[in-house]
Amino acid sequence: MAPAADHREPRPPKGYVVSFAKYHRHGLGSPLSRFMRALCHHYGVELQHFSPNVVTAAAVFAAVCEGYLGIMPHWDLWLHLYRGELFNAPTGTTGMRKPVRARCLNLVLKTGKTERPRDYILVGLTSNHTGWDSQWFYLWNDDDLLPVYTGRLISKHPENWTYDVVQVHQSRLDPFLDALKKLRVEGLTAALVLSAVHHRRVLLLMSRPQRMDEMGPGISSRDLEACRMSNEAPAADEVVARVRAAVASDF
């Protein structure tokens, strides 16, 4: 990581991309996990194009897959559950909006009237991210696995942002969807998932030697520390504050 010095606009040195403190408070680590890198490349975006809620949604999904389903983040399951939406900022003129350099892509659950109901846990993410985009810095792009920073604007909604799983593969998801439905019925929510993550100090969106469900007795202390966001367990009130910063108040 490198500070942005006195740069008023991002000008990362060669080998660096632009990231935000908010991302890393919600589960992003370095080097980024394979799943997080896949999100960048599939949606054709640079890291700064994600909204903060994308990072939270990805972290919750990774935790559900690893900690509750016992699998690595499942790409087809993600496509089945989420679609991309383009955010353009209002200009003050009715009907006119403008592209933004950061947070133009948001990923939302497929729950609209034209979409099939989704059996997933309750995920209500906060809309309060005031000032988040002022806390940016330069993040080392390990082995150039992330798209390089160009600062480009995205003004048009790419078709692949709404891709679903091909029909022939839908039935393969049935065991996972049945398990997700059971988790939802039993009361699992994004808030409970994130609470468990913070108590266990797991950096979900970082490349790690162990899945979340494997971080138990028998794991070496070296591997365990390589999976964690901090060396010391956070206080209970700190966990509550972190979860409230990520999810809506009614969850």
Protein backbone atom coordinates (compact mmCIF):
# COMPACT_ATOMS: atom_id res chain seq x y z
CA MET A 1 0.00 0.00 0.00
CA ALA A 2 1.13 3.55 -0.61
CA PRO A 3 -0.30 6.91 0.46
CA ALA A 4 -1.65 9.18 -2.25
CA ALA A 5 0.64 11.99 -1.03
CA ASP A 6 -0.78 15.36 -2.07
CA HIS A 7 -2.52 14.08 -5.22
CA ARG A 8 -5.92 15.74 -5.67
CA GLU A 9 -6.83 13.12 -8.27
CA PRO A 10 -5.51 9.55 -8.49
CA ARG A 11 -2.21 9.13 -10.34
CA PRO A 12 -1.00 5.73 -9.15
CA PRO A 13 2.63 4.76 -9.81
CA LYS A 14 3.27 1.87 -12.16
CA GLY A 15 2.19 -1.40 -10.57
CA TYR A 16 -0.43 0.19 -8.29
CA VAL A 17 -4.21 0.59 -8.47
CA VAL A 18 -6.59 2.84 -6.55
CA SER A 19 -8.39 1.48 -3.49
CA PHE A 20 -10.39 2.92 -0.59
CA ALA A 21 -10.17 2.45 3.17
CA LYS A 22 -13.89 1.56 3.18
CA TYR A 23 -13.25 -1.50 1.03
CA HIS A 24 -10.68 -2.86 3.44
CA ARG A 25 -12.84 -2.29 6.51
CA HIS A 26 -15.42 -4.53 4.86
CA GLY A 27 -13.24 -7.51 3.99
CA LEU A 28 -10.84 -6.60 1.19
CA GLY A 29 -7.25 -7.73 1.70
CA SER A 30 -4.03 -7.86 -0.27
CA PRO A 31 -3.36 -9.80 -2.38
CA LEU A 32 -7.01 -9.96 -3.42
CA SER A 33 -8.80 -13.29 -3.48
CA ARG A 34 -9.40 -15.11 -6.74
CA PHE A 35 -13.12 -14.43 -6.39
CA MET A 36 -12.63 -10.68 -6.03
CA ARG A 37 -10.32 -10.62 -9.03
CA ALA A 38 -12.92 -12.58 -11.02
CA LEU A 39 -15.51 -9.91 -10.24
CA CYS A 40 -13.24 -7.24 -11.72
CA HIS A 41 -12.57 -9.17 -14.90
CA HIS A 42 -16.09 -10.52 -15.46
CA TYR A 43 -17.74 -7.12 -15.13
CA GLY A 44 -14.90 -5.41 -16.98
CA VAL A 45 -14.20 -2.83 -14.29
CA GLU A 46 -11.28 -1.43 -12.33
CA LEU A 47 -11.20 -1.77 -8.55
CA GLN A 48 -12.38 1.80 -7.90
CA HIS A 49 -15.50 1.21 -10.00
CA PHE A 50 -17.07 -0.96 -7.27
CA SER A 51 -19.45 0.62 -4.80
CA PRO A 52 -18.64 -0.09 -1.12
CA ASN A 53 -21.68 -2.37 -0.98
CA VAL A 54 -20.19 -4.58 -3.69
CA VAL A 55 -17.29 -5.37 -1.35
CA THR A 56 -19.70 -6.12 1.50
CA ALA A 57 -21.95 -8.29 -0.67
CA ALA A 58 -18.94 -10.20 -1.98
CA ALA A 59 -17.58 -10.69 1.55
CA VAL A 60 -20.92 -11.98 2.83
CA PHE A 61 -21.23 -14.34 -0.14
CA ALA A 62 -17.71 -15.67 0.37
CA ALA A 63 -18.43 -16.22 4.07
CA VAL A 64 -21.68 -18.06 3.34
CA CYS A 65 -19.95 -20.31 0.80
CA GLU A 66 -16.91 -21.04 2.97
CA GLY A 67 -18.35 -21.01 6.46
CA TYR A 68 -21.82 -22.46 5.91
CA LEU A 69 -21.74 -24.42 2.62
CA GLY A 70 -18.15 -25.63 3.00
CA ILE A 71 -17.09 -24.64 -0.53
CA MET A 72 -15.02 -21.94 -2.18
CA PRO A 73 -17.04 -18.98 -3.51
CA HIS A 74 -19.12 -20.54 -6.29
CA TRP A 75 -19.13 -18.51 -9.50
CA ASP A 76 -22.35 -19.90 -11.02
CA LEU A 77 -24.14 -19.44 -7.70
CA TRP A 78 -23.02 -15.80 -7.64
CA LEU A 79 -24.33 -15.19 -11.18
CA HIS A 80 -27.60 -16.85 -10.22
CA LEU A 81 -28.06 -14.50 -7.27
CA TYR A 82 -26.63 -11.14 -8.36
CA ARG A 83 -26.79 -8.68 -11.27
CA GLY A 84 -24.96 -5.46 -11.93
CA GLU A 85 -26.49 -1.98 -11.96
CA LEU A 86 -24.89 1.19 -13.32
CA PHE A 87 -24.80 4.28 -11.13
CA ASN A 88 -24.53 7.71 -12.73
CA ALA A 89 -24.62 10.83 -10.58
CA PRO A 90 -27.41 13.42 -10.82
CA THR A 91 -26.47 16.69 -12.51
CA GLY A 92 -29.21 18.89 -11.08
CA THR A 93 -31.07 18.84 -14.39
CA THR A 94 -34.13 16.59 -14.58
CA GLY A 95 -33.40 13.46 -16.56
CA MET A 96 -29.70 14.22 -16.89
CA ARG A 97 -27.02 12.17 -15.13
CA LYS A 98 -23.26 11.96 -15.49
CA PRO A 99 -20.70 9.12 -15.20
CA VAL A 100 -18.63 8.87 -12.03
CA ARG A 101 -15.03 7.77 -11.62
CA ALA A 102 -15.75 5.61 -8.56
CA ARG A 103 -18.67 3.36 -7.44
CA CYS A 104 -20.36 3.23 -10.86
CA LEU A 105 -21.03 -0.51 -10.46
CA ASN A 106 -23.36 -1.84 -7.81
CA LEU A 107 -24.31 -5.51 -7.51
CA VAL A 108 -27.79 -6.30 -6.26
CA LEU A 109 -29.78 -9.42 -5.54
CA LYS A 110 -32.12 -10.56 -8.28
CA THR A 111 -35.46 -9.98 -6.59
CA GLY A 112 -37.35 -7.88 -9.14
CA LYS A 113 -40.81 -8.72 -10.49
CA THR A 114 -39.35 -10.01 -13.74
CA GLU A 115 -36.87 -12.26 -11.97
CA ARG A 116 -37.32 -15.54 -10.15
CA PRO A 117 -37.44 -15.43 -6.33
CA ARG A 118 -34.06 -16.18 -4.81
CA ASP A 119 -33.53 -18.43 -1.84
CA TYR A 120 -30.75 -16.51 -0.13
CA ILE A 121 -30.19 -15.12 3.31
CA LEU A 122 -31.49 -11.65 4.18
CA VAL A 123 -28.98 -9.09 2.92
CA GLY A 124 -29.89 -5.47 3.63
CA LEU A 125 -26.84 -3.27 3.09
CA THR A 126 -26.42 0.27 4.31
CA SER A 127 -26.86 3.29 2.06
CA ASN A 128 -24.82 5.53 4.36
CA HIS A 129 -21.32 5.82 2.93
CA THR A 130 -20.82 9.54 3.43
CA GLY A 131 -17.31 10.68 2.61
CA TRP A 132 -16.02 7.20 1.77
CA ASP A 133 -14.50 8.23 -1.57
CA SER A 134 -12.20 10.81 0.04
CA GLN A 135 -10.21 8.04 1.78
CA TRP A 136 -8.31 6.59 -1.15
CA PHE A 137 -4.77 5.32 -1.52
CA TYR A 138 -2.60 3.27 -3.87
CA LEU A 139 -2.68 -0.53 -3.58
CA TRP A 140 0.05 -2.75 -5.02
CA ASN A 141 -1.29 -4.79 -7.95
CA ASP A 142 0.28 -8.15 -7.15
CA ASP A 143 1.55 -9.79 -10.36
CA ASP A 144 -0.75 -7.45 -12.33
CA LEU A 145 -3.71 -9.73 -11.55
CA LEU A 146 -6.10 -6.77 -11.31
CA PRO A 147 -7.09 -4.53 -14.23
CA VAL A 148 -4.69 -1.59 -14.39
CA TYR A 149 -5.96 1.83 -13.34
CA THR A 150 -6.95 4.07 -16.24
CA GLY A 151 -9.54 6.28 -14.53
CA ARG A 152 -11.99 5.59 -17.34
CA LEU A 153 -15.66 6.47 -17.02
CA ILE A 154 -18.38 3.89 -17.63
CA SER A 155 -21.46 5.53 -19.09
CA LYS A 156 -23.26 2.52 -20.57
CA HIS A 157 -24.59 -0.61 -18.87
CA PRO A 158 -22.67 -3.58 -20.37
CA GLU A 159 -24.81 -6.56 -21.32
CA ASN A 160 -22.84 -9.06 -19.24
CA TRP A 161 -23.70 -7.22 -16.00
CA THR A 162 -27.04 -9.06 -16.03
CA TYR A 163 -25.84 -12.47 -17.22
CA ASP A 164 -27.29 -15.50 -15.47
CA VAL A 165 -26.17 -19.12 -15.38
CA VAL A 166 -26.76 -21.00 -18.62
CA GLN A 167 -29.91 -23.10 -18.40
CA VAL A 168 -28.13 -26.43 -18.71
CA HIS A 169 -26.17 -25.69 -15.51
CA GLN A 170 -29.11 -24.49 -13.40
CA SER A 171 -29.85 -27.91 -11.91
CA ARG A 172 -26.29 -28.13 -10.56
CA LEU A 173 -27.13 -25.31 -8.18
CA ASP A 174 -30.12 -27.08 -6.59
CA PRO A 175 -28.19 -28.57 -3.62
CA PHE A 176 -26.72 -25.17 -2.79
CA LEU A 177 -30.04 -23.37 -3.18
CA ASP A 178 -31.73 -25.93 -0.92
CA ALA A 179 -29.03 -25.32 1.70
CA LEU A 180 -29.38 -21.54 1.37
CA LYS A 181 -33.13 -21.79 1.79
CA LYS A 182 -32.63 -23.78 4.99
CA LEU A 183 -30.13 -21.20 6.30
CA ARG A 184 -32.62 -18.42 5.60
CA VAL A 185 -35.47 -20.30 7.33
CA GLU A 186 -33.22 -20.82 10.34
CA GLY A 187 -32.71 -17.07 10.56
CA LEU A 188 -29.27 -16.49 9.07
CA THR A 189 -28.77 -12.87 7.95
CA ALA A 190 -25.90 -10.80 6.57
CA ALA A 191 -25.55 -9.15 9.98
CA LEU A 192 -25.02 -12.52 11.71
CA VAL A 193 -22.57 -13.63 9.02
CA LEU A 194 -20.50 -10.44 9.34
CA SER A 195 -20.58 -10.67 13.13
CA ALA A 196 -19.07 -14.17 12.93
CA VAL A 197 -16.49 -12.97 10.40
CA HIS A 198 -15.33 -10.09 12.60
CA HIS A 199 -15.23 -12.22 15.73
CA ARG A 200 -13.03 -14.71 13.87
CA ARG A 201 -11.05 -11.88 12.23
CA VAL A 202 -11.23 -13.41 8.74
CA LEU A 203 -10.11 -11.34 5.74
CA LEU A 204 -12.60 -12.87 3.34
CA LEU A 205 -11.55 -11.15 0.11
CA MET A 206 -7.84 -11.80 0.45
CA SER A 207 -5.92 -14.73 -1.01
CA ARG A 208 -5.67 -17.13 1.96
CA PRO A 209 -4.19 -20.60 2.62
CA GLN A 210 -7.41 -21.84 4.29
CA ARG A 211 -11.16 -21.57 3.81
CA MET A 212 -13.16 -20.11 6.65
CA ASP A 213 -14.54 -23.52 7.66
CA GLU A 214 -10.99 -24.92 7.84
CA MET A 215 -9.79 -22.33 10.35
CA GLY A 216 -10.14 -24.57 13.37
CA PRO A 217 -8.10 -27.01 15.47
CA GLY A 218 -5.15 -28.40 13.55
CA ILE A 219 -4.39 -25.35 11.44
CA SER A 220 -0.90 -23.99 11.91
CA SER A 221 -0.57 -20.66 13.68
CA ARG A 222 1.26 -19.30 10.64
CA ASP A 223 -1.59 -20.22 8.27
CA LEU A 224 -4.14 -18.92 10.77
CA GLU A 225 -2.48 -15.52 11.04
CA ALA A 226 -2.28 -15.34 7.22
CA CYS A 227 -6.08 -15.53 7.13
CA ARG A 228 -6.80 -12.85 9.71
CA MET A 229 -7.38 -9.11 9.52
CA SER A 230 -5.72 -8.41 12.89
CA ASN A 231 -3.62 -10.13 15.54
CA GLU A 232 -6.01 -9.34 18.39
CA ALA A 233 -9.70 -10.10 18.71
CA PRO A 234 -11.89 -6.98 18.51
CA ALA A 235 -14.03 -5.93 21.45
CA ALA A 236 -17.72 -6.77 21.28
CA ASP A 237 -18.75 -3.14 20.79
CA GLU A 238 -16.24 -2.80 17.94
CA VAL A 239 -17.80 -5.80 16.17
CA VAL A 240 -21.25 -4.25 16.55
CA ALA A 241 -19.97 -0.96 15.11
CA ARG A 242 -18.41 -2.71 12.11
CA VAL A 243 -21.57 -4.67 11.34
CA ARG A 244 -23.78 -1.58 11.67
CA ALA A 245 -21.48 0.25 9.25
CA ALA A 246 -22.10 -2.47 6.65
CA VAL A 247 -25.76 -3.47 6.96
CA ALA A 248 -29.02 -1.56 7.10
CA SER A 249 -30.32 -0.65 10.56
CA ASP A 250 -33.38 -2.88 10.21
CA PHE A 251 -31.27 -6.04 9.90
